[in-house]
Amino acid sequence: MIKNSQIKIYKSKIGGINIRVKFNRETVWMTQTQIAELFGTKRPAITKHINNIFESKELIEKSNVLKRNIANSDKPINRLKLKPGEFSKKVIELALKIPEGRVTTYGILAQVAGGHPMMVQMITHILGKSPDVDKIPFHRIVYSNGKVWLEPRYEKERLKLYKKEGIKLDENNKLIDFDKKVFTF
């Protein structure tokens, strides 16, 4: 039985997911299906990202996967230890350094943080589980073609932030003067 345990999951005003877990001498283990549910995606996407994390050597599979066999099943269940690695720490650190009025791309973040090109797909998940999620300027991270992500539930807030910072978008939600606004660290 776990005592003094707390799990808090909430969303920031600009779209990040924050997960705060407090355990006394415990480790959080989740199946790929549970992680997919947490991030609102499907299990194959999580499997792909996890394989990329192990291939890039951000985490070592042997010390972060617990295999369990199920009776009458030919496949084991993998339980994964959630532990931030150096790549994750660097991504968070870099995201917090993006200056007001400038943007960077997911690719630039992944590259400067020292990650494999496929790690681009994990940037939002990494930032969303950061303890600093409320400080992370998600609106300053854009696609490589200058297009911004405007999910309907965060669109109004993000458009206000762009206006406040002098970032202008065209009718296709692409940054005007993208090349001048890109911050490369």
Protein backbone atom coordinates (compact mmCIF):
# COMPACT_ATOMS: atom_id res chain seq x y z
CA MET A 1 0.00 0.00 0.00
CA ILE A 2 1.32 3.43 -0.90
CA LYS A 3 0.89 6.17 1.67
CA ASN A 4 1.52 9.89 1.18
CA SER A 5 0.94 9.49 -2.56
CA GLN A 6 -0.48 12.16 -4.82
CA ILE A 7 -1.14 12.29 -8.53
CA LYS A 8 -2.29 15.55 -10.08
CA ILE A 9 -3.01 15.93 -13.79
CA TYR A 10 -4.07 19.27 -15.21
CA LYS A 11 -3.66 21.43 -18.31
CA SER A 12 -2.00 24.83 -18.46
CA LYS A 13 -3.74 27.82 -20.02
CA ILE A 14 -1.82 27.42 -23.29
CA GLY A 15 -2.15 23.71 -23.81
CA GLY A 16 0.53 21.87 -21.90
CA ILE A 17 -0.31 18.85 -19.79
CA ASN A 18 1.17 18.82 -16.32
CA ILE A 19 1.46 15.62 -14.33
CA ARG A 20 2.67 15.90 -10.79
CA VAL A 21 3.32 12.68 -8.95
CA LYS A 22 4.54 12.52 -5.39
CA PHE A 23 5.51 9.13 -4.00
CA ASN A 24 7.45 8.29 -0.93
CA ARG A 25 10.12 5.76 -2.03
CA GLU A 26 8.09 4.50 -4.98
CA THR A 27 8.49 4.39 -8.77
CA VAL A 28 5.72 5.13 -11.23
CA TRP A 29 5.23 2.31 -13.72
CA MET A 30 2.74 2.51 -16.60
CA THR A 31 1.92 0.27 -19.53
CA GLN A 32 2.16 1.68 -23.03
CA THR A 33 -1.63 1.61 -23.16
CA GLN A 34 -1.85 3.67 -19.97
CA ILE A 35 0.68 6.18 -21.32
CA ALA A 36 -1.29 6.43 -24.57
CA GLU A 37 -4.48 7.10 -22.61
CA LEU A 38 -2.72 9.74 -20.53
CA PHE A 39 -1.52 11.59 -23.63
CA GLY A 40 -4.69 11.07 -25.67
CA THR A 41 -3.09 8.98 -28.38
CA LYS A 42 -2.92 5.33 -29.49
CA ARG A 43 -0.57 2.63 -28.20
CA PRO A 44 1.39 2.24 -31.51
CA ALA A 45 2.40 5.91 -31.34
CA ILE A 46 3.73 5.45 -27.81
CA THR A 47 5.56 2.26 -28.82
CA LYS A 48 7.24 4.13 -31.69
CA HIS A 49 8.30 7.00 -29.41
CA ILE A 50 9.59 4.65 -26.73
CA ASN A 51 11.62 2.69 -29.28
CA ASN A 52 13.13 5.99 -30.48
CA ILE A 53 14.03 6.91 -26.91
CA PHE A 54 15.83 3.59 -26.42
CA GLU A 55 17.53 3.80 -29.86
CA SER A 56 18.78 7.32 -29.10
CA LYS A 57 20.14 6.03 -25.77
CA GLU A 58 18.24 8.67 -23.78
CA LEU A 59 17.11 5.82 -21.55
CA ILE A 60 18.42 2.27 -21.20
CA GLU A 61 15.69 -0.27 -21.91
CA LYS A 62 16.91 -2.87 -19.43
CA SER A 63 16.62 -0.52 -16.45
CA ASN A 64 13.37 1.15 -17.55
CA VAL A 65 11.17 -1.74 -18.73
CA LEU A 66 9.56 -4.35 -16.52
CA LYS A 67 8.31 -7.36 -18.49
CA ARG A 68 5.32 -9.29 -17.16
CA ASN A 69 3.83 -12.40 -18.72
CA ILE A 70 0.09 -12.99 -18.83
CA ALA A 71 -1.38 -16.48 -18.64
CA ASN A 72 -2.69 -17.74 -22.01
CA SER A 73 -0.97 -14.93 -23.89
CA ASP A 74 1.98 -15.10 -26.26
CA LYS A 75 2.98 -11.47 -25.59
CA PRO A 76 4.43 -10.01 -22.40
CA ILE A 77 3.22 -6.68 -21.07
CA ASN A 78 5.93 -4.06 -20.85
CA ARG A 79 5.68 -1.68 -17.95
CA LEU A 80 7.76 1.45 -18.35
CA LYS A 81 9.42 3.53 -15.69
CA LEU A 82 8.75 7.22 -16.23
CA LYS A 83 11.99 9.04 -15.55
CA PRO A 84 13.25 12.15 -17.31
CA GLY A 85 16.52 11.69 -19.16
CA GLU A 86 19.16 14.15 -20.21
CA PHE A 87 17.44 14.82 -23.54
CA SER A 88 14.20 15.70 -21.76
CA LYS A 89 15.97 18.00 -19.33
CA LYS A 90 17.76 19.78 -22.17
CA VAL A 91 14.52 20.23 -24.18
CA ILE A 92 12.83 21.84 -21.17
CA GLU A 93 15.83 24.06 -20.49
CA LEU A 94 15.95 25.24 -24.12
CA ALA A 95 12.20 25.84 -24.39
CA LEU A 96 12.36 28.15 -21.39
CA LYS A 97 15.05 30.20 -23.18
CA ILE A 98 13.02 31.05 -26.31
CA PRO A 99 12.81 34.85 -26.18
CA GLU A 100 9.57 36.78 -26.39
CA GLY A 101 8.69 37.72 -29.97
CA ARG A 102 10.74 34.85 -31.41
CA VAL A 103 9.97 31.21 -32.26
CA THR A 104 11.87 28.00 -32.72
CA THR A 105 10.91 24.73 -34.36
CA TYR A 106 10.44 21.27 -32.92
CA GLY A 107 13.37 20.15 -35.09
CA ILE A 108 15.71 22.84 -33.81
CA LEU A 109 14.80 21.95 -30.22
CA ALA A 110 15.46 18.26 -30.82
CA GLN A 111 18.75 18.91 -32.63
CA VAL A 112 20.16 21.41 -30.13
CA ALA A 113 19.13 19.13 -27.25
CA GLY A 114 21.19 16.37 -28.89
CA GLY A 115 18.34 14.09 -29.85
CA HIS A 116 17.70 11.78 -32.78
CA PRO A 117 15.58 13.40 -35.56
CA MET A 118 12.64 11.17 -34.59
CA MET A 119 12.71 12.72 -31.11
CA VAL A 120 10.92 15.73 -32.61
CA GLN A 121 7.72 13.77 -32.11
CA MET A 122 8.26 13.66 -28.33
CA ILE A 123 8.89 17.38 -27.74
CA THR A 124 5.31 18.28 -26.81
CA HIS A 125 5.02 15.25 -24.51
CA ILE A 126 8.31 16.07 -22.80
CA LEU A 127 7.34 19.70 -22.27
CA GLY A 128 3.85 18.76 -21.16
CA LYS A 129 5.16 16.66 -18.29
CA SER A 130 7.70 19.25 -17.16
CA PRO A 131 7.39 20.62 -13.62
CA ASP A 132 7.70 24.04 -15.31
CA VAL A 133 4.79 23.43 -17.71
CA ASP A 134 3.08 26.71 -16.80
CA LYS A 135 6.24 28.66 -17.72
CA ILE A 136 6.88 26.95 -21.06
CA PRO A 137 6.02 29.13 -24.07
CA PHE A 138 4.34 26.45 -26.19
CA HIS A 139 3.19 29.14 -28.63
CA ARG A 140 6.83 29.87 -29.51
CA ILE A 141 7.44 26.34 -30.82
CA VAL A 142 6.29 25.94 -34.41
CA TYR A 143 6.54 23.54 -37.33
CA SER A 144 9.55 23.73 -39.67
CA ASN A 145 7.49 25.43 -42.39
CA GLY A 146 6.48 28.26 -40.04
CA LYS A 147 2.98 26.96 -39.42
CA VAL A 148 1.67 27.28 -35.89
CA TRP A 149 -0.46 24.80 -34.00
CA LEU A 150 -3.83 26.32 -33.16
CA GLU A 151 -5.98 23.71 -31.50
CA PRO A 152 -9.47 25.20 -31.14
CA ARG A 153 -9.51 25.07 -27.34
CA TYR A 154 -6.26 27.09 -27.08
CA GLU A 155 -6.56 29.20 -30.23
CA LYS A 156 -7.90 32.36 -28.59
CA GLU A 157 -5.21 32.40 -25.89
CA ARG A 158 -2.40 31.71 -28.35
CA LEU A 159 -3.56 34.38 -30.79
CA LYS A 160 -3.51 36.89 -27.90
CA LEU A 161 0.04 35.85 -27.05
CA TYR A 162 1.18 36.19 -30.67
CA LYS A 163 -0.34 39.66 -30.88
CA LYS A 164 1.24 40.71 -27.57
CA GLU A 165 4.67 39.53 -28.78
CA GLY A 166 4.39 41.08 -32.25
CA ILE A 167 4.22 37.74 -34.07
CA LYS A 168 1.99 37.96 -37.13
CA LEU A 169 0.28 35.07 -38.90
CA ASP A 170 -1.10 34.82 -42.42
CA GLU A 171 -4.49 33.33 -43.32
CA ASN A 172 -2.95 29.80 -43.29
CA ASN A 173 -1.62 30.18 -39.72
CA LYS A 174 1.96 30.56 -40.93
CA LEU A 175 4.30 33.12 -39.46
CA ILE A 176 4.91 36.22 -41.52
CA ASP A 177 8.68 36.82 -41.75
CA PHE A 178 9.31 33.33 -40.38
CA ASP A 179 13.03 33.41 -41.27
CA LYS A 180 13.48 36.60 -39.21
CA LYS A 181 11.60 35.23 -36.21
CA VAL A 182 13.37 31.85 -35.91
CA PHE A 183 15.58 31.53 -32.84
CA THR A 184 18.33 28.91 -33.17
CA PHE A 185 20.03 29.15 -29.75
